[in-house]
Amino acid sequence: MTSEHILVVDDDRRLLRLLQRYLMEQGYRVTTAEDAAQARKVMAVMAPDALVLDITMPGESGLDLTRGLREAGFSLPILLLTARGEPADRIAGLETGADDYLGKPFEPRELLLRLRAHLRHHAPPVNAAPRALRLGKLEFDAARGLLNGPDGAIHLTGGEAALLSVLTQRPGDVMSREAIARALDLDEIGERAVDVQVTRLRRRIEPDPREPRFLQTVRGKGYVLKPGH
């Protein structure tokens, strides 16, 4: 049995049900979404270990979602599904940051074997320490999405936790407002919504939110998370 969590995204409900049942029979936890918008909402509140993603869907395509997740710093394995089998399509998928490509129709066993291979490749070393970021007297447990302080856990709203999780993927790197907005599914609201979430998060993690030490603004570029004591 495995505790690994797979997010499957496809607008074909029949295929979603089949894959969910099959992967669960193999011991995986499985969440499904019917389009990219639903997938972004799922990933804002939980961190799947791998993503199985259809390329052709209503609205945002699987290629665009893959590109957006990579730009936002998500490193989980992404396996693309498509009925288009041309080499150019495969190359386009890999260029967006996908790890693998499987043409429809496919054998579920092949999907399973490829998933297992990519999950092994992405797995941290057995003796690796839990991933946690220090923000002064606070510590953010990225694996569980929890912020802890000297007096215990600090409550974060869903938006605050999602923003901190996104920034934790790339500590020390500047992330544009656009990339953050796409990762948080705030595209339709606008980049101003990112600024609002940043302001709220600073109230949680900064000793003085007016002079931020950990979540800094890089003028004209975006924001950067700088962990430290």
C-alpha atoms as a PDB file:
ATOM      1  CA  MET A   1       0.000   0.000   0.000  1.00  0.00           C
ATOM      2  CA  THR A   2       1.085   3.583  -0.607  1.00  0.00           C
ATOM      3  CA  SER A   3       0.016   6.873   0.888  1.00  0.00           C
ATOM      4  CA  GLU A   4       0.891   8.828  -2.254  1.00  0.00           C
ATOM      5  CA  HIS A   5      -1.785  11.163  -3.561  1.00  0.00           C
ATOM      6  CA  ILE A   6      -2.569  11.456  -7.282  1.00  0.00           C
ATOM      7  CA  LEU A   7      -4.598  14.273  -8.847  1.00  0.00           C
ATOM      8  CA  VAL A   8      -6.263  13.202 -12.118  1.00  0.00           C
ATOM      9  CA  VAL A   9      -7.636  15.955 -14.371  1.00  0.00           C
ATOM     10  CA  ASP A  10      -9.787  15.160 -17.428  1.00  0.00           C
ATOM     11  CA  ASP A  11     -13.108  16.399 -18.789  1.00  0.00           C
ATOM     12  CA  ASP A  12     -14.069  12.794 -19.659  1.00  0.00           C
ATOM     13  CA  ARG A  13     -16.043  11.750 -16.566  1.00  0.00           C
ATOM     14  CA  ARG A  14     -16.045   8.076 -17.530  1.00  0.00           C
ATOM     15  CA  LEU A  15     -12.249   8.032 -17.788  1.00  0.00           C
ATOM     16  CA  LEU A  16     -11.983   9.915 -14.498  1.00  0.00           C
ATOM     17  CA  ARG A  17     -14.045   7.262 -12.729  1.00  0.00           C
ATOM     18  CA  LEU A  18     -12.073   4.428 -14.285  1.00  0.00           C
ATOM     19  CA  LEU A  19      -8.691   5.893 -13.389  1.00  0.00           C
ATOM     20  CA  GLN A  20      -9.818   6.799  -9.900  1.00  0.00           C
ATOM     21  CA  ARG A  21     -11.030   3.263  -9.220  1.00  0.00           C
ATOM     22  CA  TYR A  22      -7.962   1.637 -10.770  1.00  0.00           C
ATOM     23  CA  LEU A  23      -5.405   3.777  -8.952  1.00  0.00           C
ATOM     24  CA  MET A  24      -7.237   3.422  -5.656  1.00  0.00           C
ATOM     25  CA  GLU A  25      -7.153  -0.358  -6.130  1.00  0.00           C
ATOM     26  CA  GLN A  26      -3.375  -0.003  -6.429  1.00  0.00           C
ATOM     27  CA  GLY A  27      -3.269   1.734  -3.055  1.00  0.00           C
ATOM     28  CA  TYR A  28      -3.101   5.394  -4.082  1.00  0.00           C
ATOM     29  CA  ARG A  29      -5.202   8.227  -2.736  1.00  0.00           C
ATOM     30  CA  VAL A  30      -6.908   9.863  -5.709  1.00  0.00           C
ATOM     31  CA  THR A  31      -8.583  13.226  -6.228  1.00  0.00           C
ATOM     32  CA  THR A  32     -10.242  14.113  -9.535  1.00  0.00           C
ATOM     33  CA  ALA A  33     -10.963  17.383 -11.333  1.00  0.00           C
ATOM     34  CA  GLU A  34     -12.814  17.984 -14.599  1.00  0.00           C
ATOM     35  CA  ASP A  35     -10.831  21.012 -15.757  1.00  0.00           C
ATOM     36  CA  ALA A  36      -7.823  23.174 -14.964  1.00  0.00           C
ATOM     37  CA  ALA A  37      -9.826  25.586 -12.821  1.00  0.00           C
ATOM     38  CA  GLN A  38     -10.929  22.767 -10.521  1.00  0.00           C
ATOM     39  CA  ALA A  39      -7.370  21.414 -10.441  1.00  0.00           C
ATOM     40  CA  ARG A  40      -6.003  24.784  -9.307  1.00  0.00           C
ATOM     41  CA  LYS A  41      -8.554  24.951  -6.514  1.00  0.00           C
ATOM     42  CA  VAL A  42      -7.550  21.478  -5.343  1.00  0.00           C
ATOM     43  CA  MET A  43      -3.856  22.366  -5.386  1.00  0.00           C
ATOM     44  CA  ALA A  44      -4.493  25.545  -3.423  1.00  0.00           C
ATOM     45  CA  VAL A  45      -5.506  23.483  -0.402  1.00  0.00           C
ATOM     46  CA  MET A  46      -3.542  20.247  -0.784  1.00  0.00           C
ATOM     47  CA  ALA A  47      -0.282  19.056  -2.308  1.00  0.00           C
ATOM     48  CA  PRO A  48      -0.655  15.969  -4.524  1.00  0.00           C
ATOM     49  CA  ASP A  49       2.401  13.824  -5.173  1.00  0.00           C
ATOM     50  CA  ALA A  50       1.735  13.547  -8.917  1.00  0.00           C
ATOM     51  CA  LEU A  51      -0.578  14.971 -11.580  1.00  0.00           C
ATOM     52  CA  VAL A  52      -2.189  13.025 -14.427  1.00  0.00           C
ATOM     53  CA  LEU A  53      -3.484  15.655 -16.825  1.00  0.00           C
ATOM     54  CA  ASP A  54      -5.451  15.667 -20.065  1.00  0.00           C
ATOM     55  CA  ILE A  55      -4.140  18.137 -22.645  1.00  0.00           C
ATOM     56  CA  THR A  56      -7.410  19.004 -24.417  1.00  0.00           C
ATOM     57  CA  MET A  57     -10.013  20.391 -22.001  1.00  0.00           C
ATOM     58  CA  PRO A  58     -12.542  23.229 -22.045  1.00  0.00           C
ATOM     59  CA  GLY A  59     -11.020  26.495 -20.903  1.00  0.00           C
ATOM     60  CA  GLU A  60      -7.372  26.360 -19.915  1.00  0.00           C
ATOM     61  CA  SER A  61      -5.561  23.528 -21.662  1.00  0.00           C
ATOM     62  CA  GLY A  62      -3.422  20.936 -19.963  1.00  0.00           C
ATOM     63  CA  LEU A  63      -0.344  22.446 -21.596  1.00  0.00           C
ATOM     64  CA  ASP A  64      -1.127  25.876 -20.175  1.00  0.00           C
ATOM     65  CA  LEU A  65      -1.788  24.441 -16.720  1.00  0.00           C
ATOM     66  CA  THR A  66       1.494  22.536 -16.808  1.00  0.00           C
ATOM     67  CA  ARG A  67       3.373  25.653 -17.859  1.00  0.00           C
ATOM     68  CA  GLY A  68       1.714  27.716 -15.132  1.00  0.00           C
ATOM     69  CA  LEU A  69       2.508  25.178 -12.417  1.00  0.00           C
ATOM     70  CA  ARG A  70       6.150  24.988 -13.457  1.00  0.00           C
ATOM     71  CA  GLU A  71       6.446  28.783 -13.567  1.00  0.00           C
ATOM     72  CA  ALA A  72       4.961  28.878 -10.069  1.00  0.00           C
ATOM     73  CA  GLY A  73       7.631  26.462  -8.847  1.00  0.00           C
ATOM     74  CA  PHE A  74       5.642  23.220  -8.520  1.00  0.00           C
ATOM     75  CA  SER A  75       8.006  20.280  -9.042  1.00  0.00           C
ATOM     76  CA  LEU A  76       5.630  17.322  -8.746  1.00  0.00           C
ATOM     77  CA  PRO A  77       5.636  14.739 -11.582  1.00  0.00           C
ATOM     78  CA  ILE A  78       3.195  15.635 -14.375  1.00  0.00           C
ATOM     79  CA  LEU A  79       2.052  12.989 -16.861  1.00  0.00           C
ATOM     80  CA  LEU A  80       0.061  14.275 -19.839  1.00  0.00           C
ATOM     81  CA  LEU A  81      -2.755  12.377 -21.542  1.00  0.00           C
ATOM     82  CA  THR A  82      -3.853  13.162 -25.089  1.00  0.00           C
ATOM     83  CA  ALA A  83      -5.617  11.690 -28.075  1.00  0.00           C
ATOM     84  CA  ARG A  84      -3.118  13.505 -30.290  1.00  0.00           C
ATOM     85  CA  GLY A  85      -0.122  11.298 -30.934  1.00  0.00           C
ATOM     86  CA  GLU A  86       2.014  13.425 -33.222  1.00  0.00           C
ATOM     87  CA  PRO A  87       5.675  13.874 -32.203  1.00  0.00           C
ATOM     88  CA  ALA A  88       5.191  17.653 -32.263  1.00  0.00           C
ATOM     89  CA  ASP A  89       2.469  17.348 -29.614  1.00  0.00           C
ATOM     90  CA  ARG A  90       4.716  15.211 -27.432  1.00  0.00           C
ATOM     91  CA  ILE A  91       7.540  17.725 -27.727  1.00  0.00           C
ATOM     92  CA  ALA A  92       5.191  20.609 -26.931  1.00  0.00           C
ATOM     93  CA  GLY A  93       4.074  18.811 -23.785  1.00  0.00           C
ATOM     94  CA  LEU A  94       7.578  18.149 -22.585  1.00  0.00           C
ATOM     95  CA  GLU A  95       8.653  21.709 -23.373  1.00  0.00           C
ATOM     96  CA  THR A  96       6.011  23.051 -20.997  1.00  0.00           C
ATOM     97  CA  GLY A  97       7.609  21.054 -18.181  1.00  0.00           C
ATOM     98  CA  ALA A  98       5.735  17.743 -18.215  1.00  0.00           C
ATOM     99  CA  ASP A  99       7.648  14.632 -17.168  1.00  0.00           C
ATOM    100  CA  ASP A 100       5.914  12.176 -19.472  1.00  0.00           C
ATOM    101  CA  TYR A 101       3.316  11.767 -22.190  1.00  0.00           C
ATOM    102  CA  LEU A 102       0.804   8.982 -22.803  1.00  0.00           C
ATOM    103  CA  GLY A 103      -1.437   8.808 -25.868  1.00  0.00           C
ATOM    104  CA  LYS A 104      -5.058   7.723 -25.680  1.00  0.00           C
ATOM    105  CA  PRO A 105      -6.184   4.997 -25.667  1.00  0.00           C
ATOM    106  CA  PHE A 106      -3.709   3.524 -23.200  1.00  0.00           C
ATOM    107  CA  GLU A 107      -3.399   0.558 -20.904  1.00  0.00           C
ATOM    108  CA  PRO A 108      -3.943   1.477 -17.228  1.00  0.00           C
ATOM    109  CA  ARG A 109      -1.028  -0.802 -16.354  1.00  0.00           C
ATOM    110  CA  GLU A 110       1.314   1.319 -18.469  1.00  0.00           C
ATOM    111  CA  LEU A 111       0.081   4.477 -16.751  1.00  0.00           C
ATOM    112  CA  LEU A 112       0.682   2.829 -13.379  1.00  0.00           C
ATOM    113  CA  LEU A 113       4.238   1.789 -14.266  1.00  0.00           C
ATOM    114  CA  ARG A 114       5.115   5.262 -15.528  1.00  0.00           C
ATOM    115  CA  LEU A 115       3.629   6.897 -12.447  1.00  0.00           C
ATOM    116  CA  ARG A 116       5.598   4.626 -10.157  1.00  0.00           C
ATOM    117  CA  ALA A 117       8.830   5.399 -12.008  1.00  0.00           C
ATOM    118  CA  HIS A 118       8.346   9.167 -11.771  1.00  0.00           C
ATOM    119  CA  LEU A 119       7.281   9.037  -8.128  1.00  0.00           C
ATOM    120  CA  ARG A 120      10.452   7.089  -7.288  1.00  0.00           C
ATOM    121  CA  HIS A 121      12.530   9.631  -9.187  1.00  0.00           C
ATOM    122  CA  HIS A 122      10.981  12.564  -7.311  1.00  0.00           C
ATOM    123  CA  ALA A 123      11.002  10.920  -3.887  1.00  0.00           C
ATOM    124  CA  PRO A 124      13.312  12.580  -1.300  1.00  0.00           C
ATOM    125  CA  PRO A 125      16.135  10.496   0.204  1.00  0.00           C
ATOM    126  CA  VAL A 126      14.977   8.176   2.977  1.00  0.00           C
ATOM    127  CA  ASN A 127      17.042   9.985   5.588  1.00  0.00           C
ATOM    128  CA  ALA A 128      16.137  13.474   4.422  1.00  0.00           C
ATOM    129  CA  ALA A 129      14.931  15.842   7.120  1.00  0.00           C
ATOM    130  CA  PRO A 130      11.327  17.070   6.891  1.00  0.00           C
ATOM    131  CA  ARG A 131      11.072  20.149   4.751  1.00  0.00           C
ATOM    132  CA  ALA A 132      10.457  23.159   6.976  1.00  0.00           C
ATOM    133  CA  LEU A 133      11.235  26.833   6.536  1.00  0.00           C
ATOM    134  CA  ARG A 134      12.303  29.065   9.373  1.00  0.00           C
ATOM    135  CA  LEU A 135      10.830  32.562   9.442  1.00  0.00           C
ATOM    136  CA  GLY A 136      12.315  34.106  12.558  1.00  0.00           C
ATOM    137  CA  LYS A 137      10.514  32.545  15.526  1.00  0.00           C
ATOM    138  CA  LEU A 138       8.064  30.825  13.205  1.00  0.00           C
ATOM    139  CA  GLU A 139       8.409  27.587  11.269  1.00  0.00           C
ATOM    140  CA  PHE A 140       6.375  26.645   8.235  1.00  0.00           C
ATOM    141  CA  ASP A 141       5.809  22.935   7.699  1.00  0.00           C
ATOM    142  CA  ALA A 142       5.444  22.860   3.926  1.00  0.00           C
ATOM    143  CA  ALA A 143       4.432  19.194   3.817  1.00  0.00           C
ATOM    144  CA  ARG A 144       1.385  19.815   6.029  1.00  0.00           C
ATOM    145  CA  GLY A 145       0.824  23.513   5.310  1.00  0.00           C
ATOM    146  CA  LEU A 146       1.120  24.469   8.990  1.00  0.00           C
ATOM    147  CA  LEU A 147       2.685  27.581  10.497  1.00  0.00           C
ATOM    148  CA  ASN A 148       3.976  27.071  14.027  1.00  0.00           C
ATOM    149  CA  GLY A 149       5.216  29.620  16.548  1.00  0.00           C
ATOM    150  CA  PRO A 150       6.532  29.582  20.131  1.00  0.00           C
ATOM    151  CA  ASP A 151       2.968  29.358  21.426  1.00  0.00           C
ATOM    152  CA  GLY A 152       1.759  26.715  18.997  1.00  0.00           C
ATOM    153  CA  ALA A 153       0.067  26.629  15.622  1.00  0.00           C
ATOM    154  CA  ILE A 154      -0.909  29.906  13.942  1.00  0.00           C
ATOM    155  CA  HIS A 155      -4.174  29.868  12.007  1.00  0.00           C
ATOM    156  CA  LEU A 156      -3.841  30.766   8.329  1.00  0.00           C
ATOM    157  CA  THR A 157      -6.722  31.311   5.957  1.00  0.00           C
ATOM    158  CA  GLY A 158      -6.849  29.102   2.878  1.00  0.00           C
ATOM    159  CA  GLY A 159      -5.509  31.940   0.726  1.00  0.00           C
ATOM    160  CA  GLU A 160      -2.657  32.723   3.112  1.00  0.00           C
ATOM    161  CA  ALA A 161      -1.634  29.077   3.386  1.00  0.00           C
ATOM    162  CA  ALA A 162      -1.806  28.636  -0.395  1.00  0.00           C
ATOM    163  CA  LEU A 163       0.359  31.712  -0.993  1.00  0.00           C
ATOM    164  CA  LEU A 164       2.966  30.625   1.533  1.00  0.00           C
ATOM    165  CA  SER A 165       3.011  27.125   0.051  1.00  0.00           C
ATOM    166  CA  VAL A 166       3.599  28.531  -3.444  1.00  0.00           C
ATOM    167  CA  LEU A 167       6.444  30.770  -2.262  1.00  0.00           C
ATOM    168  CA  THR A 168       7.964  27.905  -0.268  1.00  0.00           C
ATOM    169  CA  GLN A 169       8.458  26.001  -3.525  1.00  0.00           C
ATOM    170  CA  ARG A 170      11.063  28.593  -4.572  1.00  0.00           C
ATOM    171  CA  PRO A 171      12.618  30.288  -1.521  1.00  0.00           C
ATOM    172  CA  GLY A 172      15.047  33.011  -2.526  1.00  0.00           C
ATOM    173  CA  ASP A 173      13.663  33.271  -6.072  1.00  0.00           C
ATOM    174  CA  VAL A 174      11.627  36.226  -7.263  1.00  0.00           C
ATOM    175  CA  MET A 175       8.141  35.240  -8.399  1.00  0.00           C
ATOM    176  CA  SER A 176       6.116  37.602 -10.556  1.00  0.00           C
ATOM    177  CA  ARG A 177       2.618  38.636  -9.544  1.00  0.00           C
ATOM    178  CA  GLU A 178       1.356  36.976 -12.706  1.00  0.00           C
ATOM    179  CA  ALA A 179       2.948  33.625 -11.846  1.00  0.00           C
ATOM    180  CA  ILE A 180       1.581  33.780  -8.303  1.00  0.00           C
ATOM    181  CA  ALA A 181      -1.890  34.727  -9.546  1.00  0.00           C
ATOM    182  CA  ARG A 182      -1.943  31.775 -11.928  1.00  0.00           C
ATOM    183  CA  ALA A 183      -0.790  29.385  -9.202  1.00  0.00           C
ATOM    184  CA  LEU A 184      -3.516  30.635  -6.865  1.00  0.00           C
ATOM    185  CA  ASP A 185      -6.238  30.698  -9.545  1.00  0.00           C
ATOM    186  CA  LEU A 186      -6.589  34.477  -9.192  1.00  0.00           C
ATOM    187  CA  ASP A 187      -6.261  35.291 -12.883  1.00  0.00           C
ATOM    188  CA  GLU A 188      -9.812  36.546 -13.278  1.00  0.00           C
ATOM    189  CA  ILE A 189      -9.603  38.744 -10.186  1.00  0.00           C
ATOM    190  CA  GLY A 190      -6.294  40.285 -11.167  1.00  0.00           C
ATOM    191  CA  GLU A 191      -2.821  40.708  -9.766  1.00  0.00           C
ATOM    192  CA  ARG A 192      -4.104  43.179  -7.196  1.00  0.00           C
ATOM    193  CA  ALA A 193      -5.557  40.166  -5.380  1.00  0.00           C
ATOM    194  CA  VAL A 194      -2.006  38.842  -4.983  1.00  0.00           C
ATOM    195  CA  ASP A 195      -0.966  42.086  -3.280  1.00  0.00           C
ATOM    196  CA  VAL A 196      -3.889  41.741  -0.881  1.00  0.00           C
ATOM    197  CA  GLN A 197      -2.901  38.183   0.051  1.00  0.00           C
ATOM    198  CA  VAL A 198       0.712  39.261   0.512  1.00  0.00           C
ATOM    199  CA  THR A 199      -0.371  42.038   2.878  1.00  0.00           C
ATOM    200  CA  ARG A 200      -2.440  39.590   4.906  1.00  0.00           C
ATOM    201  CA  LEU A 201       0.329  36.994   5.042  1.00  0.00           C
ATOM    202  CA  ARG A 202       2.852  39.581   6.191  1.00  0.00           C
ATOM    203  CA  ARG A 203       0.648  40.296   9.185  1.00  0.00           C
ATOM    204  CA  ARG A 204       1.089  36.651  10.153  1.00  0.00           C
ATOM    205  CA  ILE A 205       4.806  36.141   9.577  1.00  0.00           C
ATOM    206  CA  GLU A 206       6.529  39.519   9.886  1.00  0.00           C
ATOM    207  CA  PRO A 207       7.609  41.101  13.197  1.00  0.00           C
ATOM    208  CA  ASP A 208       6.886  44.444  11.515  1.00  0.00           C
ATOM    209  CA  PRO A 209       4.695  44.096   8.387  1.00  0.00           C
ATOM    210  CA  ARG A 210       5.609  47.665   7.365  1.00  0.00           C
ATOM    211  CA  GLU A 211       9.268  46.611   7.053  1.00  0.00           C
ATOM    212  CA  PRO A 212       9.114  42.994   5.866  1.00  0.00           C
ATOM    213  CA  ARG A 213      12.143  40.775   6.422  1.00  0.00           C
ATOM    214  CA  PHE A 214      10.908  37.479   5.036  1.00  0.00           C
ATOM    215  CA  LEU A 215       8.362  38.300   2.312  1.00  0.00           C
ATOM    216  CA  GLN A 216       9.953  41.127   0.366  1.00  0.00           C
ATOM    217  CA  THR A 217       8.821  43.159  -2.616  1.00  0.00           C
ATOM    218  CA  VAL A 218      11.156  43.367  -5.611  1.00  0.00           C
ATOM    219  CA  ARG A 219      10.118  46.518  -7.400  1.00  0.00           C
ATOM    220  CA  GLY A 220       8.885  45.886 -10.928  1.00  0.00           C
ATOM    221  CA  LYS A 221       9.374  42.110 -10.633  1.00  0.00           C
ATOM    222  CA  GLY A 222       7.256  40.608  -7.868  1.00  0.00           C
ATOM    223  CA  TYR A 223       7.881  38.999  -4.500  1.00  0.00           C
ATOM    224  CA  VAL A 224      10.566  36.836  -2.910  1.00  0.00           C
ATOM    225  CA  LEU A 225      10.442  34.683   0.226  1.00  0.00           C
ATOM    226  CA  LYS A 226      13.664  34.876   2.239  1.00  0.00           C
ATOM    227  CA  PRO A 227      13.678  32.373   5.125  1.00  0.00           C
ATOM    228  CA  GLY A 228      15.986  32.950   8.065  1.00  0.00           C
ATOM    229  CA  HIS A 229      16.279  33.527  11.777  1.00  0.00           C
END
